[in-house]
PDB file of N, CA and C in Angstrom:
ATOM      1  N   MET A   1       5.086   8.761 -40.286  1.00  0.00           N
ATOM      2  CA  MET A   1       5.367   9.740 -39.250  1.00  0.00           C
ATOM      3  C   MET A   1       6.551   9.302 -38.389  1.00  0.00           C
ATOM      4  N   ASP A   2       6.622   8.003 -38.101  1.00  0.00           N
ATOM      5  CA  ASP A   2       7.751   7.525 -37.315  1.00  0.00           C
ATOM      6  C   ASP A   2       9.074   7.721 -38.047  1.00  0.00           C
ATOM      7  N   GLU A   3       9.051   7.512 -39.335  1.00  0.00           N
ATOM      8  CA  GLU A   3      10.258   7.704 -40.135  1.00  0.00           C
ATOM      9  C   GLU A   3      10.728   9.150 -40.073  1.00  0.00           C
ATOM     10  N   ASP A   4       9.780  10.085 -40.112  1.00  0.00           N
ATOM     11  CA  ASP A   4      10.138  11.502 -40.073  1.00  0.00           C
ATOM     12  C   ASP A   4      10.806  11.864 -38.754  1.00  0.00           C
ATOM     13  N   LEU A   5      10.264  11.380 -37.641  1.00  0.00           N
ATOM     14  CA  LEU A   5      10.825  11.706 -36.331  1.00  0.00           C
ATOM     15  C   LEU A   5      12.180  11.043 -36.147  1.00  0.00           C
ATOM     16  N   ARG A   6      12.330   9.824 -36.654  1.00  0.00           N
ATOM     17  CA  ARG A   6      13.611   9.133 -36.521  1.00  0.00           C
ATOM     18  C   ARG A   6      14.713   9.841 -37.289  1.00  0.00           C
ATOM     19  N   THR A   7      14.385  10.336 -38.462  1.00  0.00           N
ATOM     20  CA  THR A   7      15.426  10.958 -39.281  1.00  0.00           C
ATOM     21  C   THR A   7      15.687  12.414 -38.901  1.00  0.00           C
ATOM     22  N   THR A   8      14.665  13.152 -38.505  1.00  0.00           N
ATOM     23  CA  THR A   8      14.863  14.571 -38.204  1.00  0.00           C
ATOM     24  C   THR A   8      15.464  14.798 -36.827  1.00  0.00           C
ATOM     25  N   ASP A   9      15.002  14.047 -35.832  1.00  0.00           N
ATOM     26  CA  ASP A   9      15.495  14.263 -34.471  1.00  0.00           C
ATOM     27  C   ASP A   9      15.705  12.910 -33.777  1.00  0.00           C
ATOM     28  N   PRO A  10      16.854  12.281 -33.962  1.00  0.00           N
ATOM     29  CA  PRO A  10      17.071  10.957 -33.375  1.00  0.00           C
ATOM     30  C   PRO A  10      17.089  10.983 -31.840  1.00  0.00           C
ATOM     31  N   GLU A  11      17.500  12.103 -31.273  1.00  0.00           N
ATOM     32  CA  GLU A  11      17.522  12.196 -29.807  1.00  0.00           C
ATOM     33  C   GLU A  11      16.100  12.198 -29.241  1.00  0.00           C
ATOM     34  N   ALA A  12      15.188  12.904 -29.885  1.00  0.00           N
ATOM     35  CA  ALA A  12      13.792  12.914 -29.454  1.00  0.00           C
ATOM     36  C   ALA A  12      13.158  11.546 -29.650  1.00  0.00           C
ATOM     37  N   TRP A  13      13.551  10.859 -30.731  1.00  0.00           N
ATOM     38  CA  TRP A  13      13.022   9.510 -30.967  1.00  0.00           C
ATOM     39  C   TRP A  13      13.488   8.550 -29.873  1.00  0.00           C
ATOM     40  N   GLN A  14      14.744   8.650 -29.478  1.00  0.00           N
ATOM     41  CA  GLN A  14      15.269   7.793 -28.405  1.00  0.00           C
ATOM     42  C   GLN A  14      14.557   8.097 -27.083  1.00  0.00           C
ATOM     43  N   GLU A  15      14.327   9.364 -26.809  1.00  0.00           N
ATOM     44  CA  GLU A  15      13.611   9.759 -25.594  1.00  0.00           C
ATOM     45  C   GLU A  15      12.177   9.247 -25.608  1.00  0.00           C
ATOM     46  N   LEU A  16      11.547   9.279 -26.770  1.00  0.00           N
ATOM     47  CA  LEU A  16      10.188   8.773 -26.908  1.00  0.00           C
ATOM     48  C   LEU A  16      10.136   7.264 -26.692  1.00  0.00           C
ATOM     49  N   LYS A  17      11.122   6.542 -27.211  1.00  0.00           N
ATOM     50  CA  LYS A  17      11.183   5.087 -27.016  1.00  0.00           C
ATOM     51  C   LYS A  17      11.353   4.731 -25.537  1.00  0.00           C
ATOM     52  N   VAL A  18      12.202   5.466 -24.836  1.00  0.00           N
ATOM     53  CA  VAL A  18      12.399   5.221 -23.408  1.00  0.00           C
ATOM     54  C   VAL A  18      11.118   5.496 -22.638  1.00  0.00           C
ATOM     55  N   GLU A  19      10.448   6.570 -22.970  1.00  0.00           N
ATOM     56  CA  GLU A  19       9.191   6.926 -22.297  1.00  0.00           C
ATOM     57  C   GLU A  19       8.109   5.882 -22.560  1.00  0.00           C
ATOM     58  N   MET A  20       8.037   5.383 -23.791  1.00  0.00           N
ATOM     59  CA  MET A  20       7.054   4.346 -24.119  1.00  0.00           C
ATOM     60  C   MET A  20       7.348   3.056 -23.350  1.00  0.00           C
ATOM     61  N   ALA A  21       8.611   2.705 -23.221  1.00  0.00           N
ATOM     62  CA  ALA A  21       8.974   1.498 -22.477  1.00  0.00           C
ATOM     63  C   ALA A  21       8.630   1.654 -20.999  1.00  0.00           C
ATOM     64  N   LEU A  22       8.867   2.831 -20.439  1.00  0.00           N
ATOM     65  CA  LEU A  22       8.530   3.069 -19.025  1.00  0.00           C
ATOM     66  C   LEU A  22       7.029   2.983 -18.793  1.00  0.00           C
ATOM     67  N   ILE A  23       6.246   3.504 -19.709  1.00  0.00           N
ATOM     68  CA  ILE A  23       4.797   3.509 -19.541  1.00  0.00           C
ATOM     69  C   ILE A  23       4.225   2.108 -19.682  1.00  0.00           C
ATOM     70  N   THR A  24       4.752   1.302 -20.597  1.00  0.00           N
ATOM     71  CA  THR A  24       4.199  -0.044 -20.789  1.00  0.00           C
ATOM     72  C   THR A  24       4.587  -0.976 -19.655  1.00  0.00           C
ATOM     73  N   VAL A  25       5.744  -0.797 -19.055  1.00  0.00           N
ATOM     74  CA  VAL A  25       6.189  -1.675 -17.979  1.00  0.00           C
ATOM     75  C   VAL A  25       5.806  -1.115 -16.614  1.00  0.00           C
ATOM     76  N   ASN A  26       5.903   0.166 -16.439  1.00  0.00           N
ATOM     77  CA  ASN A  26       5.640   0.814 -15.157  1.00  0.00           C
ATOM     78  C   ASN A  26       4.428   1.725 -15.263  1.00  0.00           C
ATOM     79  N   SER A  27       4.197   2.471 -14.210  1.00  0.00           N
ATOM     80  CA  SER A  27       3.136   3.472 -14.192  1.00  0.00           C
ATOM     81  C   SER A  27       3.558   4.681 -15.024  1.00  0.00           C
ATOM     82  N   PRO A  28       2.615   5.358 -15.667  1.00  0.00           N
ATOM     83  CA  PRO A  28       2.994   6.553 -16.428  1.00  0.00           C
ATOM     84  C   PRO A  28       3.366   7.738 -15.541  1.00  0.00           C
ATOM     85  N   TYR A  29       3.116   7.651 -14.249  1.00  0.00           N
ATOM     86  CA  TYR A  29       3.400   8.761 -13.339  1.00  0.00           C
ATOM     87  C   TYR A  29       4.741   8.533 -12.649  1.00  0.00           C
ATOM     88  N   THR A  30       5.606   9.540 -12.691  1.00  0.00           N
ATOM     89  CA  THR A  30       6.943   9.383 -12.115  1.00  0.00           C
ATOM     90  C   THR A  30       6.894   9.207 -10.599  1.00  0.00           C
ATOM     91  N   GLU A  31       5.932   9.846  -9.931  1.00  0.00           N
ATOM     92  CA  GLU A  31       5.827   9.717  -8.480  1.00  0.00           C
ATOM     93  C   GLU A  31       5.488   8.284  -8.084  1.00  0.00           C
ATOM     94  N   VAL A  32       4.611   7.644  -8.851  1.00  0.00           N
ATOM     95  CA  VAL A  32       4.237   6.255  -8.560  1.00  0.00           C
ATOM     96  C   VAL A  32       5.406   5.332  -8.859  1.00  0.00           C
ATOM     97  N   ARG A  33       6.119   5.576  -9.963  1.00  0.00           N
ATOM     98  CA  ARG A  33       7.278   4.751 -10.305  1.00  0.00           C
ATOM     99  C   ARG A  33       8.349   4.826  -9.238  1.00  0.00           C
ATOM    100  N   ALA A  34       8.475   5.971  -8.570  1.00  0.00           N
ATOM    101  CA  ALA A  34       9.499   6.130  -7.551  1.00  0.00           C
ATOM    102  C   ALA A  34       9.183   5.346  -6.285  1.00  0.00           C
ATOM    103  N   VAL A  35       7.902   5.087  -6.017  1.00  0.00           N
ATOM    104  CA  VAL A  35       7.511   4.465  -4.754  1.00  0.00           C
ATOM    105  C   VAL A  35       7.132   2.994  -4.911  1.00  0.00           C
ATOM    106  N   VAL A  36       6.416   2.662  -5.965  1.00  0.00           N
ATOM    107  CA  VAL A  36       5.838   1.331  -6.107  1.00  0.00           C
ATOM    108  C   VAL A  36       6.721   0.470  -7.007  1.00  0.00           C
ATOM    109  N   ASP A  37       6.994  -0.744  -6.550  1.00  0.00           N
ATOM    110  CA  ASP A  37       7.754  -1.694  -7.345  1.00  0.00           C
ATOM    111  C   ASP A  37       6.841  -2.307  -8.396  1.00  0.00           C
ATOM    112  N   ASN A  38       7.345  -2.516  -9.596  1.00  0.00           N
ATOM    113  CA  ASN A  38       6.493  -3.051 -10.656  1.00  0.00           C
ATOM    114  C   ASN A  38       6.461  -4.574 -10.684  1.00  0.00           C
ATOM    115  N   HIS A  39       7.208  -5.222  -9.816  1.00  0.00           N
ATOM    116  CA  HIS A  39       7.199  -6.679  -9.727  1.00  0.00           C
ATOM    117  C   HIS A  39       6.660  -7.090  -8.364  1.00  0.00           C
ATOM    118  N   ASP A  40       5.802  -8.099  -8.361  1.00  0.00           N
ATOM    119  CA  ASP A  40       5.207  -8.587  -7.128  1.00  0.00           C
ATOM    120  C   ASP A  40       6.059  -9.712  -6.563  1.00  0.00           C
ATOM    121  N   ASP A  41       6.219  -9.721  -5.246  1.00  0.00           N
ATOM    122  CA  ASP A  41       6.917 -10.799  -4.561  1.00  0.00           C
ATOM    123  C   ASP A  41       5.868 -11.757  -4.010  1.00  0.00           C
ATOM    124  N   PRO A  42       5.664 -12.918  -4.632  1.00  0.00           N
ATOM    125  CA  PRO A  42       4.602 -13.813  -4.181  1.00  0.00           C
ATOM    126  C   PRO A  42       4.881 -14.477  -2.835  1.00  0.00           C
ATOM    127  N   THR A  43       6.121 -14.410  -2.358  1.00  0.00           N
ATOM    128  CA  THR A  43       6.423 -15.010  -1.052  1.00  0.00           C
ATOM    129  C   THR A  43       6.058 -14.086   0.096  1.00  0.00           C
ATOM    130  N   GLU A  44       5.819 -12.818  -0.194  1.00  0.00           N
ATOM    131  CA  GLU A  44       5.485 -11.843   0.847  1.00  0.00           C
ATOM    132  C   GLU A  44       3.989 -11.925   1.166  1.00  0.00           C
ATOM    133  N   PRO A  45       3.631 -12.158   2.436  1.00  0.00           N
ATOM    134  CA  PRO A  45       2.204 -12.301   2.764  1.00  0.00           C
ATOM    135  C   PRO A  45       1.475 -10.966   2.726  1.00  0.00           C
ATOM    136  N   CYS A  46       0.201 -11.017   2.326  1.00  0.00           N
ATOM    137  CA  CYS A  46      -0.580  -9.776   2.275  1.00  0.00           C
ATOM    138  C   CYS A  46      -1.855  -9.881   3.114  1.00  0.00           C
ATOM    139  N   LEU A  47      -2.561 -10.969   3.070  1.00  0.00           N
ATOM    140  CA  LEU A  47      -3.791 -11.132   3.850  1.00  0.00           C
ATOM    141  C   LEU A  47      -3.470 -11.846   5.153  1.00  0.00           C
ATOM    142  N   THR A  48      -2.899 -11.114   6.084  1.00  0.00           N
ATOM    143  CA  THR A  48      -2.540 -11.696   7.373  1.00  0.00           C
ATOM    144  C   THR A  48      -3.566 -11.290   8.423  1.00  0.00           C
ATOM    145  N   ILE A  49      -3.582 -12.032   9.506  1.00  0.00           N
ATOM    146  CA  ILE A  49      -4.486 -11.693  10.621  1.00  0.00           C
ATOM    147  C   ILE A  49      -4.125 -10.324  11.172  1.00  0.00           C
ATOM    148  N   ARG A  50      -2.851 -10.024  11.197  1.00  0.00           N
ATOM    149  CA  ARG A  50      -2.389  -8.724  11.686  1.00  0.00           C
ATOM    150  C   ARG A  50      -2.959  -7.590  10.833  1.00  0.00           C
ATOM    151  N   ALA A  51      -2.948  -7.737   9.509  1.00  0.00           N
ATOM    152  CA  ALA A  51      -3.485  -6.699   8.619  1.00  0.00           C
ATOM    153  C   ALA A  51      -4.994  -6.560   8.786  1.00  0.00           C
ATOM    154  N   TRP A  52      -5.695  -7.684   8.943  1.00  0.00           N
ATOM    155  CA  TRP A  52      -7.144  -7.623   9.141  1.00  0.00           C
ATOM    156  C   TRP A  52      -7.500  -6.932  10.453  1.00  0.00           C
ATOM    157  N   ILE A  53      -6.771  -7.227  11.502  1.00  0.00           N
ATOM    158  CA  ILE A  53      -7.048  -6.593  12.807  1.00  0.00           C
ATOM    159  C   ILE A  53      -6.821  -5.087  12.717  1.00  0.00           C
ATOM    160  N   ILE A  54      -5.701  -4.682  12.148  1.00  0.00           N
ATOM    161  CA  ILE A  54      -5.407  -3.247  12.030  1.00  0.00           C
ATOM    162  C   ILE A  54      -6.451  -2.556  11.166  1.00  0.00           C
ATOM    163  N   GLY A  55      -6.807  -3.159  10.040  1.00  0.00           N
ATOM    164  CA  GLY A  55      -7.784  -2.554   9.143  1.00  0.00           C
ATOM    165  C   GLY A  55      -9.163  -2.450   9.756  1.00  0.00           C
ATOM    166  N   LEU A  56      -9.606  -3.519  10.403  1.00  0.00           N
ATOM    167  CA  LEU A  56     -10.951  -3.490  10.979  1.00  0.00           C
ATOM    168  C   LEU A  56     -11.044  -2.576  12.191  1.00  0.00           C
ATOM    169  N   VAL A  57     -10.010  -2.563  13.013  1.00  0.00           N
ATOM    170  CA  VAL A  57     -10.036  -1.677  14.187  1.00  0.00           C
ATOM    171  C   VAL A  57     -10.026  -0.221  13.751  1.00  0.00           C
ATOM    172  N   SER A  58      -9.178   0.124  12.780  1.00  0.00           N
ATOM    173  CA  SER A  58      -9.126   1.530  12.363  1.00  0.00           C
ATOM    174  C   SER A  58     -10.363   1.920  11.562  1.00  0.00           C
ATOM    175  N   LEU A  59     -10.945   0.974  10.830  1.00  0.00           N
ATOM    176  CA  LEU A  59     -12.098   1.301   9.993  1.00  0.00           C
ATOM    177  C   LEU A  59     -13.399   1.329  10.782  1.00  0.00           C
ATOM    178  N   PHE A  60     -13.582   0.379  11.683  1.00  0.00           N
ATOM    179  CA  PHE A  60     -14.872   0.251  12.360  1.00  0.00           C
ATOM    180  C   PHE A  60     -14.890   0.779  13.790  1.00  0.00           C
ATOM    181  N   LEU A  61     -13.749   0.938  14.411  1.00  0.00           N
ATOM    182  CA  LEU A  61     -13.749   1.378  15.803  1.00  0.00           C
ATOM    183  C   LEU A  61     -13.121   2.754  16.004  1.00  0.00           C
ATOM    184  N   LEU A  62     -11.891   2.909  15.585  1.00  0.00           N
ATOM    185  CA  LEU A  62     -11.156   4.134  15.884  1.00  0.00           C
ATOM    186  C   LEU A  62     -11.698   5.360  15.149  1.00  0.00           C
ATOM    187  N   ALA A  63     -11.749   5.302  13.831  1.00  0.00           N
ATOM    188  CA  ALA A  63     -12.186   6.471  13.048  1.00  0.00           C
ATOM    189  C   ALA A  63     -13.643   6.848  13.311  1.00  0.00           C
ATOM    190  N   PRO A  64     -14.597   5.915  13.321  1.00  0.00           N
ATOM    191  CA  PRO A  64     -15.976   6.328  13.619  1.00  0.00           C
ATOM    192  C   PRO A  64     -16.151   6.867  15.029  1.00  0.00           C
ATOM    193  N   PHE A  65     -15.419   6.318  15.995  1.00  0.00           N
ATOM    194  CA  PHE A  65     -15.512   6.825  17.361  1.00  0.00           C
ATOM    195  C   PHE A  65     -15.040   8.270  17.430  1.00  0.00           C
ATOM    196  N   ILE A  66     -13.888   8.556  16.841  1.00  0.00           N
ATOM    197  CA  ILE A  66     -13.361   9.926  16.873  1.00  0.00           C
ATOM    198  C   ILE A  66     -14.281  10.869  16.107  1.00  0.00           C
ATOM    199  N   ASN A  67     -14.786  10.426  14.957  1.00  0.00           N
ATOM    200  CA  ASN A  67     -15.679  11.276  14.167  1.00  0.00           C
ATOM    201  C   ASN A  67     -16.968  11.573  14.923  1.00  0.00           C
ATOM    202  N   GLN A  68     -17.539  10.575  15.572  1.00  0.00           N
ATOM    203  CA  GLN A  68     -18.789  10.781  16.307  1.00  0.00           C
ATOM    204  C   GLN A  68     -18.562  11.610  17.568  1.00  0.00           C
ATOM    205  N   PHE A  69     -17.459  11.351  18.257  1.00  0.00           N
ATOM    206  CA  PHE A  69     -17.175  12.052  19.505  1.00  0.00           C
ATOM    207  C   PHE A  69     -16.952  13.546  19.288  1.00  0.00           C
ATOM    208  N   PHE A  70     -16.226  13.884  18.222  1.00  0.00           N
ATOM    209  CA  PHE A  70     -15.915  15.286  17.967  1.00  0.00           C
ATOM    210  C   PHE A  70     -16.872  15.941  16.982  1.00  0.00           C
ATOM    211  N   ASP A  71     -17.949  15.264  16.618  1.00  0.00           N
ATOM    212  CA  ASP A  71     -18.915  15.842  15.692  1.00  0.00           C
ATOM    213  C   ASP A  71     -19.665  17.016  16.321  1.00  0.00           C
ATOM    214  N   ILE A  72     -19.862  16.975  17.616  1.00  0.00           N
ATOM    215  CA  ILE A  72     -20.589  18.031  18.323  1.00  0.00           C
ATOM    216  C   ILE A  72     -19.764  19.312  18.373  1.00  0.00           C
ATOM    217  N   ARG A  73     -18.464  19.153  18.435  1.00  0.00           N
ATOM    218  CA  ARG A  73     -17.553  20.287  18.556  1.00  0.00           C
ATOM    219  C   ARG A  73     -17.592  21.124  17.280  1.00  0.00           C
ATOM    220  N   GLN A  74     -17.486  22.422  17.425  1.00  0.00           N
ATOM    221  CA  GLN A  74     -17.435  23.323  16.280  1.00  0.00           C
ATOM    222  C   GLN A  74     -16.097  24.028  16.259  1.00  0.00           C
ATOM    223  N   PRO A  75     -15.320  23.966  15.266  1.00  0.00           N
ATOM    224  CA  PRO A  75     -15.446  23.144  14.068  1.00  0.00           C
ATOM    225  C   PRO A  75     -15.124  21.682  14.382  1.00  0.00           C
ATOM    226  N   GLY A  76     -15.774  20.803  13.677  1.00  0.00           N
ATOM    227  CA  GLY A  76     -15.631  19.374  13.940  1.00  0.00           C
ATOM    228  C   GLY A  76     -14.268  18.830  13.536  1.00  0.00           C
ATOM    229  N   ILE A  77     -13.845  17.797  14.233  1.00  0.00           N
ATOM    230  CA  ILE A  77     -12.597  17.111  13.924  1.00  0.00           C
ATOM    231  C   ILE A  77     -12.979  15.781  13.292  1.00  0.00           C
ATOM    232  N   TYR A  78     -12.421  15.484  12.146  1.00  0.00           N
ATOM    233  CA  TYR A  78     -12.757  14.252  11.446  1.00  0.00           C
ATOM    234  C   TYR A  78     -11.486  13.491  11.081  1.00  0.00           C
ATOM    235  N   VAL A  79     -11.571  12.179  11.154  1.00  0.00           N
ATOM    236  CA  VAL A  79     -10.481  11.306  10.734  1.00  0.00           C
ATOM    237  C   VAL A  79     -10.905  10.672   9.418  1.00  0.00           C
ATOM    238  N   TYR A  80     -10.197  10.997   8.351  1.00  0.00           N
ATOM    239  CA  TYR A  80     -10.510  10.448   7.044  1.00  0.00           C
ATOM    240  C   TYR A  80      -9.697   9.176   6.809  1.00  0.00           C
ATOM    241  N   SER A  81      -9.988   8.497   5.724  1.00  0.00           N
ATOM    242  CA  SER A  81      -9.357   7.204   5.464  1.00  0.00           C
ATOM    243  C   SER A  81      -7.851   7.316   5.257  1.00  0.00           C
ATOM    244  N   ASN A  82      -7.370   8.415   4.665  1.00  0.00           N
ATOM    245  CA  ASN A  82      -5.927   8.532   4.460  1.00  0.00           C
ATOM    246  C   ASN A  82      -5.179   8.683   5.778  1.00  0.00           C
ATOM    247  N   VAL A  83      -5.784   9.307   6.774  1.00  0.00           N
ATOM    248  CA  VAL A  83      -5.161   9.413   8.095  1.00  0.00           C
ATOM    249  C   VAL A  83      -5.102   8.033   8.744  1.00  0.00           C
ATOM    250  N   ALA A  84      -6.172   7.255   8.601  1.00  0.00           N
ATOM    251  CA  ALA A  84      -6.184   5.901   9.152  1.00  0.00           C
ATOM    252  C   ALA A  84      -5.123   5.037   8.477  1.00  0.00           C
ATOM    253  N   GLN A  85      -4.895   5.209   7.188  1.00  0.00           N
ATOM    254  CA  GLN A  85      -3.864   4.443   6.497  1.00  0.00           C
ATOM    255  C   GLN A  85      -2.469   4.842   6.955  1.00  0.00           C
ATOM    256  N   ILE A  86      -2.263   6.119   7.197  1.00  0.00           N
ATOM    257  CA  ILE A  86      -0.953   6.571   7.677  1.00  0.00           C
ATOM    258  C   ILE A  86      -0.690   6.030   9.078  1.00  0.00           C
ATOM    259  N   LEU A  87      -1.713   5.992   9.913  1.00  0.00           N
ATOM    260  CA  LEU A  87      -1.546   5.461  11.266  1.00  0.00           C
ATOM    261  C   LEU A  87      -1.442   3.940  11.284  1.00  0.00           C
ATOM    262  N   ALA A  88      -1.852   3.276  10.218  1.00  0.00           N
ATOM    263  CA  ALA A  88      -1.797   1.811  10.175  1.00  0.00           C
ATOM    264  C   ALA A  88      -0.362   1.300  10.083  1.00  0.00           C
ATOM    265  N   TYR A  89       0.525   2.028   9.453  1.00  0.00           N
ATOM    266  CA  TYR A  89       1.902   1.546   9.325  1.00  0.00           C
ATOM    267  C   TYR A  89       2.626   1.463  10.669  1.00  0.00           C
ATOM    268  N   PRO A  90       2.598   2.513  11.513  1.00  0.00           N
ATOM    269  CA  PRO A  90       3.224   2.355  12.827  1.00  0.00           C
ATOM    270  C   PRO A  90       2.556   1.269  13.675  1.00  0.00           C
ATOM    271  N   ALA A  91       1.240   1.123  13.530  1.00  0.00           N
ATOM    272  CA  ALA A  91       0.560   0.054  14.267  1.00  0.00           C
ATOM    273  C   ALA A  91       1.034  -1.307  13.778  1.00  0.00           C
ATOM    274  N   GLY A  92       1.243  -1.455  12.480  1.00  0.00           N
ATOM    275  CA  GLY A  92       1.724  -2.726  11.937  1.00  0.00           C
ATOM    276  C   GLY A  92       3.134  -3.059  12.382  1.00  0.00           C
ATOM    277  N   THR A  93       4.015  -2.079  12.398  1.00  0.00           N
ATOM    278  CA  THR A  93       5.375  -2.338  12.868  1.00  0.00           C
ATOM    279  C   THR A  93       5.380  -2.646  14.361  1.00  0.00           C
ATOM    280  N   PHE A  94       4.486  -2.009  15.122  1.00  0.00           N
ATOM    281  CA  PHE A  94       4.366  -2.311  16.545  1.00  0.00           C
ATOM    282  C   PHE A  94       3.878  -3.742  16.747  1.00  0.00           C
ATOM    283  N   PHE A  95       2.845  -4.147  15.998  1.00  0.00           N
ATOM    284  CA  PHE A  95       2.335  -5.512  16.110  1.00  0.00           C
ATOM    285  C   PHE A  95       3.376  -6.539  15.666  1.00  0.00           C
ATOM    286  N   ALA A  96       4.206  -6.192  14.694  1.00  0.00           N
ATOM    287  CA  ALA A  96       5.249  -7.117  14.245  1.00  0.00           C
ATOM    288  C   ALA A  96       6.256  -7.389  15.359  1.00  0.00           C
ATOM    289  N   LYS A  97       6.492  -6.395  16.229  1.00  0.00           N
ATOM    290  CA  LYS A  97       7.426  -6.583  17.343  1.00  0.00           C
ATOM    291  C   LYS A  97       6.780  -7.265  18.536  1.00  0.00           C
ATOM    292  N   VAL A  98       5.466  -7.035  18.742  1.00  0.00           N
ATOM    293  CA  VAL A  98       4.805  -7.476  19.965  1.00  0.00           C
ATOM    294  C   VAL A  98       4.134  -8.841  19.839  1.00  0.00           C
ATOM    295  N   LEU A  99       3.460  -9.089  18.707  1.00  0.00           N
ATOM    296  CA  LEU A  99       2.686 -10.327  18.579  1.00  0.00           C
ATOM    297  C   LEU A  99       3.588 -11.555  18.576  1.00  0.00           C
ATOM    298  N   PRO A 100       3.157 -12.625  19.235  1.00  0.00           N
ATOM    299  CA  PRO A 100       3.935 -13.860  19.187  1.00  0.00           C
ATOM    300  C   PRO A 100       3.747 -14.558  17.838  1.00  0.00           C
ATOM    301  N   SER A 101       4.652 -15.437  17.523  1.00  0.00           N
ATOM    302  CA  SER A 101       4.590 -16.158  16.246  1.00  0.00           C
ATOM    303  C   SER A 101       3.863 -17.486  16.435  1.00  0.00           C
ATOM    304  N   TRP A 102       2.585 -17.407  16.762  1.00  0.00           N
ATOM    305  CA  TRP A 102       1.769 -18.607  16.936  1.00  0.00           C
ATOM    306  C   TRP A 102       1.079 -18.923  15.626  1.00  0.00           C
ATOM    307  N   GLY A 103       1.036 -20.203  15.309  1.00  0.00           N
ATOM    308  CA  GLY A 103       0.367 -20.620  14.094  1.00  0.00           C
ATOM    309  C   GLY A 103      -0.739 -21.612  14.398  1.00  0.00           C
ATOM    310  N   PHE A 104      -1.730 -21.667  13.523  1.00  0.00           N
ATOM    311  CA  PHE A 104      -2.819 -22.628  13.663  1.00  0.00           C
ATOM    312  C   PHE A 104      -3.379 -22.939  12.280  1.00  0.00           C
ATOM    313  N   THR A 105      -4.109 -24.030  12.194  1.00  0.00           N
ATOM    314  CA  THR A 105      -4.699 -24.461  10.928  1.00  0.00           C
ATOM    315  C   THR A 105      -6.213 -24.385  11.039  1.00  0.00           C
ATOM    316  N   LEU A 106      -6.837 -23.798  10.016  1.00  0.00           N
ATOM    317  CA  LEU A 106      -8.288 -23.665   9.986  1.00  0.00           C
ATOM    318  C   LEU A 106      -8.768 -24.010   8.581  1.00  0.00           C
ATOM    319  N   PHE A 107      -9.598 -25.023   8.484  1.00  0.00           N
ATOM    320  CA  PHE A 107     -10.141 -25.493   7.205  1.00  0.00           C
ATOM    321  C   PHE A 107      -9.034 -25.825   6.198  1.00  0.00           C
ATOM    322  N   GLY A 108      -7.928 -26.376   6.682  1.00  0.00           N
ATOM    323  CA  GLY A 108      -6.838 -26.774   5.803  1.00  0.00           C
ATOM    324  C   GLY A 108      -5.861 -25.669   5.448  1.00  0.00           C
ATOM    325  N   TYR A 109      -6.083 -24.465   5.922  1.00  0.00           N
ATOM    326  CA  TYR A 109      -5.183 -23.344   5.657  1.00  0.00           C
ATOM    327  C   TYR A 109      -4.379 -23.034   6.903  1.00  0.00           C
ATOM    328  N   ASP A 110      -3.100 -22.726   6.725  1.00  0.00           N
ATOM    329  CA  ASP A 110      -2.232 -22.362   7.842  1.00  0.00           C
ATOM    330  C   ASP A 110      -2.259 -20.855   8.051  1.00  0.00           C
ATOM    331  N   PHE A 111      -2.455 -20.448   9.284  1.00  0.00           N
ATOM    332  CA  PHE A 111      -2.454 -19.037   9.661  1.00  0.00           C
ATOM    333  C   PHE A 111      -1.406 -18.802  10.728  1.00  0.00           C
ATOM    334  N   ASN A 112      -0.819 -17.614  10.726  1.00  0.00           N
ATOM    335  CA  ASN A 112       0.183 -17.248  11.701  1.00  0.00           C
ATOM    336  C   ASN A 112      -0.121 -15.831  12.188  1.00  0.00           C
ATOM    337  N   LEU A 113      -0.078 -15.628  13.496  1.00  0.00           N
ATOM    338  CA  LEU A 113      -0.358 -14.295  14.035  1.00  0.00           C
ATOM    339  C   LEU A 113       0.702 -13.280  13.625  1.00  0.00           C
ATOM    340  N   ASN A 114       1.944 -13.724  13.559  1.00  0.00           N
ATOM    341  CA  ASN A 114       3.041 -12.818  13.212  1.00  0.00           C
ATOM    342  C   ASN A 114       3.913 -13.486  12.151  1.00  0.00           C
ATOM    343  N   PRO A 115       3.600 -13.307  10.872  1.00  0.00           N
ATOM    344  CA  PRO A 115       4.360 -14.001   9.829  1.00  0.00           C
ATOM    345  C   PRO A 115       5.725 -13.390   9.523  1.00  0.00           C
ATOM    346  N   GLY A 116       6.099 -12.317  10.187  1.00  0.00           N
ATOM    347  CA  GLY A 116       7.397 -11.690   9.933  1.00  0.00           C
ATOM    348  C   GLY A 116       7.279 -10.187  10.004  1.00  0.00           C
ATOM    349  N   PRO A 117       8.235  -9.482   9.431  1.00  0.00           N
ATOM    350  CA  PRO A 117       8.177  -8.009   9.475  1.00  0.00           C
ATOM    351  C   PRO A 117       6.983  -7.478   8.694  1.00  0.00           C
ATOM    352  N   PHE A 118       6.480  -6.336   9.136  1.00  0.00           N
ATOM    353  CA  PHE A 118       5.338  -5.689   8.477  1.00  0.00           C
ATOM    354  C   PHE A 118       5.784  -5.177   7.113  1.00  0.00           C
ATOM    355  N   SER A 119       5.006  -5.452   6.085  1.00  0.00           N
ATOM    356  CA  SER A 119       5.410  -5.110   4.730  1.00  0.00           C
ATOM    357  C   SER A 119       4.454  -4.109   4.090  1.00  0.00           C
ATOM    358  N   LYS A 120       4.833  -3.624   2.909  1.00  0.00           N
ATOM    359  CA  LYS A 120       3.986  -2.692   2.166  1.00  0.00           C
ATOM    360  C   LYS A 120       2.705  -3.359   1.689  1.00  0.00           C
ATOM    361  N   LYS A 121       2.754  -4.656   1.448  1.00  0.00           N
ATOM    362  CA  LYS A 121       1.572  -5.352   0.937  1.00  0.00           C
ATOM    363  C   LYS A 121       0.483  -5.478   1.989  1.00  0.00           C
ATOM    364  N   GLU A 122       0.865  -5.451   3.254  1.00  0.00           N
ATOM    365  CA  GLU A 122      -0.143  -5.541   4.304  1.00  0.00           C
ATOM    366  C   GLU A 122      -0.829  -4.206   4.460  1.00  0.00           C
TER     367      GLU A 122
END
């Protein structure tokens, strides 16, 4: 079958090869390929104190408070997880500007309150 496609329509075969290479290396979805990098930068921090604070505050304090407070109202106002994620980015950039760069060691691991600019991995 491959021989037939190569000989009858070489342009379609070339397009198929490019598509196969994109799918094996990247995501099969063009929207994801446009936004997400397929290579990881191991020097970029991801589990920072700043990310944990933003995640826990938005997950356990902000969203449940708003959901419970406006639950009585008809129609109710709810904050879903995607809204909390969208609001987390401005909070992260704000914390990157405001938090001091203090570091400490705990159980042999080094931690820093502000390891640098807020990144996509956080």
